[in-house]
N, C-alpha and C. Protein backbone atom coordinates (compact mmCIF):
# COMPACT_ATOMS: atom_id res chain seq x y z
N MET A 1 32.68 -23.73 -9.63
CA MET A 1 31.41 -23.49 -10.89
C MET A 1 31.18 -22.61 -11.49
N THR A 2 31.08 -22.73 -12.57
CA THR A 2 30.80 -21.60 -13.46
C THR A 2 30.03 -20.40 -13.05
N MET A 3 29.49 -19.59 -13.82
CA MET A 3 28.74 -18.32 -13.26
C MET A 3 27.15 -19.32 -13.97
N GLN A 4 27.20 -19.81 -14.63
CA GLN A 4 25.69 -20.27 -15.72
C GLN A 4 25.19 -21.42 -13.83
N GLU A 5 26.29 -22.65 -13.82
CA GLU A 5 25.75 -22.99 -12.57
C GLU A 5 25.30 -22.64 -11.89
N VAL A 6 26.06 -21.51 -10.97
CA VAL A 6 25.81 -20.78 -10.04
C VAL A 6 24.30 -19.95 -9.97
N CYS A 7 23.83 -19.67 -11.38
CA CYS A 7 22.58 -18.54 -11.98
C CYS A 7 22.00 -20.38 -11.53
N GLU A 8 21.81 -20.77 -11.62
CA GLU A 8 21.21 -22.29 -11.97
C GLU A 8 20.48 -22.35 -10.56
N TYR A 9 21.74 -23.22 -9.95
CA TYR A 9 21.83 -23.63 -8.32
C TYR A 9 20.77 -21.88 -7.55
N LYS A 10 20.99 -20.97 -7.26
CA LYS A 10 20.64 -20.09 -7.03
C LYS A 10 18.92 -19.84 -7.26
N GLU A 11 18.68 -20.17 -8.30
CA GLU A 11 17.30 -19.92 -8.99
C GLU A 11 16.62 -21.47 -8.16
N ARG A 12 17.28 -22.79 -8.50
CA ARG A 12 16.68 -24.15 -8.04
C ARG A 12 16.49 -23.54 -6.82
N THR A 13 17.31 -22.85 -5.81
CA THR A 13 17.38 -22.24 -4.16
C THR A 13 16.25 -22.09 -3.50
N ARG A 14 16.10 -20.49 -5.10
CA ARG A 14 14.72 -19.93 -4.51
C ARG A 14 13.52 -20.35 -4.55
N ARG A 15 13.53 -21.65 -6.09
CA ARG A 15 11.95 -21.81 -5.41
C ARG A 15 12.01 -23.09 -4.78
N ALA A 16 12.95 -23.61 -4.50
CA ALA A 16 12.11 -24.18 -3.39
C ALA A 16 12.50 -23.95 -1.96
N LYS A 17 13.20 -22.51 -1.21
CA LYS A 17 12.12 -21.94 -0.04
C LYS A 17 11.03 -20.98 -0.63
N CYS A 18 10.42 -20.24 -1.58
CA CYS A 18 9.58 -20.15 -2.02
C CYS A 18 8.50 -21.22 -1.46
N ASN A 19 8.74 -23.04 -2.68
CA ASN A 19 7.59 -23.48 -1.88
C ASN A 19 7.68 -24.11 -0.35
N ALA A 20 8.37 -24.28 0.02
CA ALA A 20 8.75 -24.38 1.47
C ALA A 20 7.72 -23.64 2.04
N HIS A 21 8.19 -21.96 2.10
CA HIS A 21 6.99 -21.11 2.36
C HIS A 21 5.38 -21.35 1.94
N LEU A 22 5.24 -21.96 1.16
CA LEU A 22 4.07 -22.01 0.56
C LEU A 22 3.31 -23.55 0.84
N GLU A 23 3.46 -24.14 0.73
CA GLU A 23 3.82 -25.30 1.86
C GLU A 23 3.39 -24.82 3.82
N LEU A 24 4.02 -24.22 4.12
CA LEU A 24 3.78 -24.15 5.50
C LEU A 24 2.78 -22.83 5.45
N VAL A 25 1.96 -21.96 4.96
CA VAL A 25 1.19 -20.68 4.72
C VAL A 25 -0.05 -21.84 4.29
N ARG A 26 0.01 -23.25 3.51
CA ARG A 26 -1.53 -23.89 3.17
C ARG A 26 -1.26 -25.19 4.47
N LEU A 27 -0.62 -25.29 5.09
CA LEU A 27 -0.76 -26.15 6.34
C LEU A 27 -1.36 -25.04 7.42
N GLN A 28 -0.91 -23.45 7.20
CA GLN A 28 -1.56 -22.83 8.81
C GLN A 28 -2.53 -22.05 8.46
N TYR A 29 -3.36 -21.88 7.21
CA TYR A 29 -4.21 -20.96 6.99
C TYR A 29 -5.32 -21.86 5.79
N GLY A 30 -4.17 -22.63 5.13
CA GLY A 30 -6.03 -23.53 4.15
C GLY A 30 -5.31 -23.10 3.00
N GLU A 31 -6.75 -23.36 1.38
CA GLU A 31 -6.21 -23.02 0.80
C GLU A 31 -6.51 -21.22 0.43
N ILE A 32 -5.44 -20.56 -0.15
CA ILE A 32 -5.73 -18.96 -0.31
C ILE A 32 -6.50 -18.74 -1.75
N ARG A 33 -7.75 -17.42 -1.23
CA ARG A 33 -8.37 -17.90 -1.75
C ARG A 33 -8.58 -16.05 -1.99
N GLY A 34 -9.49 -15.58 -2.58
CA GLY A 34 -10.32 -14.08 -3.11
C GLY A 34 -10.90 -13.36 -2.34
N PHE A 35 -11.63 -12.46 -1.45
CA PHE A 35 -12.86 -12.08 -0.97
C PHE A 35 -14.44 -12.43 -1.87
N THR A 36 -15.29 -13.16 -0.98
CA THR A 36 -16.41 -13.04 -2.00
C THR A 36 -16.98 -11.98 -2.26
N ALA A 37 -17.81 -11.47 -2.66
CA ALA A 37 -18.68 -10.28 -3.01
C ALA A 37 -19.47 -9.86 -1.68
N LYS A 38 -19.76 -10.38 -0.75
CA LYS A 38 -20.01 -10.15 0.43
C LYS A 38 -19.77 -10.08 1.20
N GLU A 39 -18.27 -10.66 1.79
CA GLU A 39 -16.48 -10.36 2.32
C GLU A 39 -16.67 -8.42 1.84
N SER A 40 -16.01 -8.38 0.59
CA SER A 40 -15.12 -7.39 -0.25
C SER A 40 -16.52 -6.22 0.23
N SER A 41 -17.52 -6.71 0.51
CA SER A 41 -18.52 -5.43 0.41
C SER A 41 -18.25 -4.93 1.91
N LYS A 42 -17.85 -5.80 2.47
CA LYS A 42 -17.78 -5.32 4.52
C LYS A 42 -16.89 -4.16 4.55
N VAL A 43 -16.01 -4.55 3.49
CA VAL A 43 -14.43 -4.10 3.82
C VAL A 43 -14.19 -2.39 3.12
N PHE A 44 -13.69 -1.12 3.82
CA PHE A 44 -13.83 -0.04 3.81
C PHE A 44 -12.54 0.27 3.48
N THR A 45 -12.51 1.09 2.24
CA THR A 45 -10.77 1.72 2.01
C THR A 45 -11.26 2.80 1.63
N LYS A 46 -10.43 3.72 2.50
CA LYS A 46 -10.16 5.26 2.22
C LYS A 46 -10.00 5.78 1.26
N GLY A 47 -9.95 6.72 0.12
CA GLY A 47 -9.22 6.61 -1.16
C GLY A 47 -8.47 7.78 -1.19
N LYS A 48 -7.53 8.21 -1.77
CA LYS A 48 -6.80 9.49 -1.50
C LYS A 48 -7.67 10.70 -1.05
N SER A 49 -7.71 11.04 -0.22
CA SER A 49 -8.63 13.43 -0.61
C SER A 49 -7.43 14.60 -0.58
N VAL A 50 -8.56 14.39 -1.20
CA VAL A 50 -7.45 16.31 -2.03
C VAL A 50 -8.31 17.67 -0.54
N PHE A 51 -7.14 18.51 -0.58
CA PHE A 51 -7.68 19.46 0.14
C PHE A 51 -7.42 21.02 -0.66
N ARG A 52 -8.44 22.18 -0.52
CA ARG A 52 -8.28 22.98 -0.96
C ARG A 52 -7.30 23.76 -0.35
N LYS A 53 -6.89 24.34 -1.32
CA LYS A 53 -5.54 25.10 -0.44
C LYS A 53 -6.41 26.72 -0.99
N VAL A 54 -6.38 26.74 -1.82
CA VAL A 54 -6.94 28.00 -3.04
C VAL A 54 -8.11 28.62 -1.65
N LYS A 55 -8.44 28.14 -1.74
CA LYS A 55 -9.66 29.45 -1.10
C LYS A 55 -9.80 29.82 0.52
N THR A 56 -9.01 28.83 1.09
CA THR A 56 -8.40 28.84 2.27
C THR A 56 -6.82 29.70 2.53
N HIS A 57 -6.76 29.77 2.03
CA HIS A 57 -5.82 31.48 1.50
C HIS A 57 -6.39 32.52 1.12
N SER A 58 -7.27 32.33 -0.09
CA SER A 58 -7.97 33.34 -0.36
C SER A 58 -8.86 34.36 0.96
N PHE A 59 -9.08 33.31 1.89
CA PHE A 59 -10.36 33.63 2.17
C PHE A 59 -9.62 34.10 3.89
N THR A 60 -8.56 33.87 3.84
CA THR A 60 -8.08 33.93 5.60
C THR A 60 -6.55 34.44 5.18
N ARG A 61 -5.45 34.01 4.73
CA ARG A 61 -4.11 34.33 5.11
C ARG A 61 -4.09 35.84 4.06
N LEU A 62 -4.66 35.66 2.85
CA LEU A 62 -4.42 37.27 2.38
C LEU A 62 -4.67 38.36 2.32
N TRP A 63 -5.15 37.99 3.08
CA TRP A 63 -6.20 39.58 3.76
C TRP A 63 -6.09 40.02 4.97
N ASN A 64 -4.49 38.82 6.09
CA ASN A 64 -4.93 39.42 6.90
C ASN A 64 -4.20 40.55 7.61
N HIS A 65 -4.11 41.68 6.52
CA HIS A 65 -3.36 42.37 6.39
C HIS A 65 -3.75 43.44 7.09
N ASN A 66 -5.47 43.46 6.59
CA ASN A 66 -6.54 44.21 7.13
C ASN A 66 -7.72 43.89 8.23
N ASN A 67 -6.74 43.04 9.01
CA ASN A 67 -7.26 42.90 10.33
C ASN A 67 -6.36 43.62 11.58
N VAL A 68 -6.16 44.27 10.69
CA VAL A 68 -4.51 45.44 11.79
C VAL A 68 -5.48 46.47 12.03
N PRO A 69 -5.80 46.49 13.56
CA PRO A 69 -6.69 47.57 14.99
C PRO A 69 -6.87 49.57 14.21
N ILE A 70 -7.71 50.00 13.76
CA ILE A 70 -7.47 50.97 13.40
C ILE A 70 -7.31 52.11 15.03
N GLU A 71 -6.40 52.94 15.13
CA GLU A 71 -6.40 53.86 16.15
C GLU A 71 -7.15 54.71 15.89
């Protein structure tokens, strides 16, 4: 087999596997569709949160050397 034939064979087998899997999913779950507006409003996804580091450092750790008891 030449390189071109191997590439064509590989592409055919890849597509055949993909189609077989898609048919299996369709039989198992029915047609695949997106969420409706009602369903998507029920889904809660948490976004990326940002925690401030500057204020906690300047209010606590920066001044810890002043917490030494006076004798």
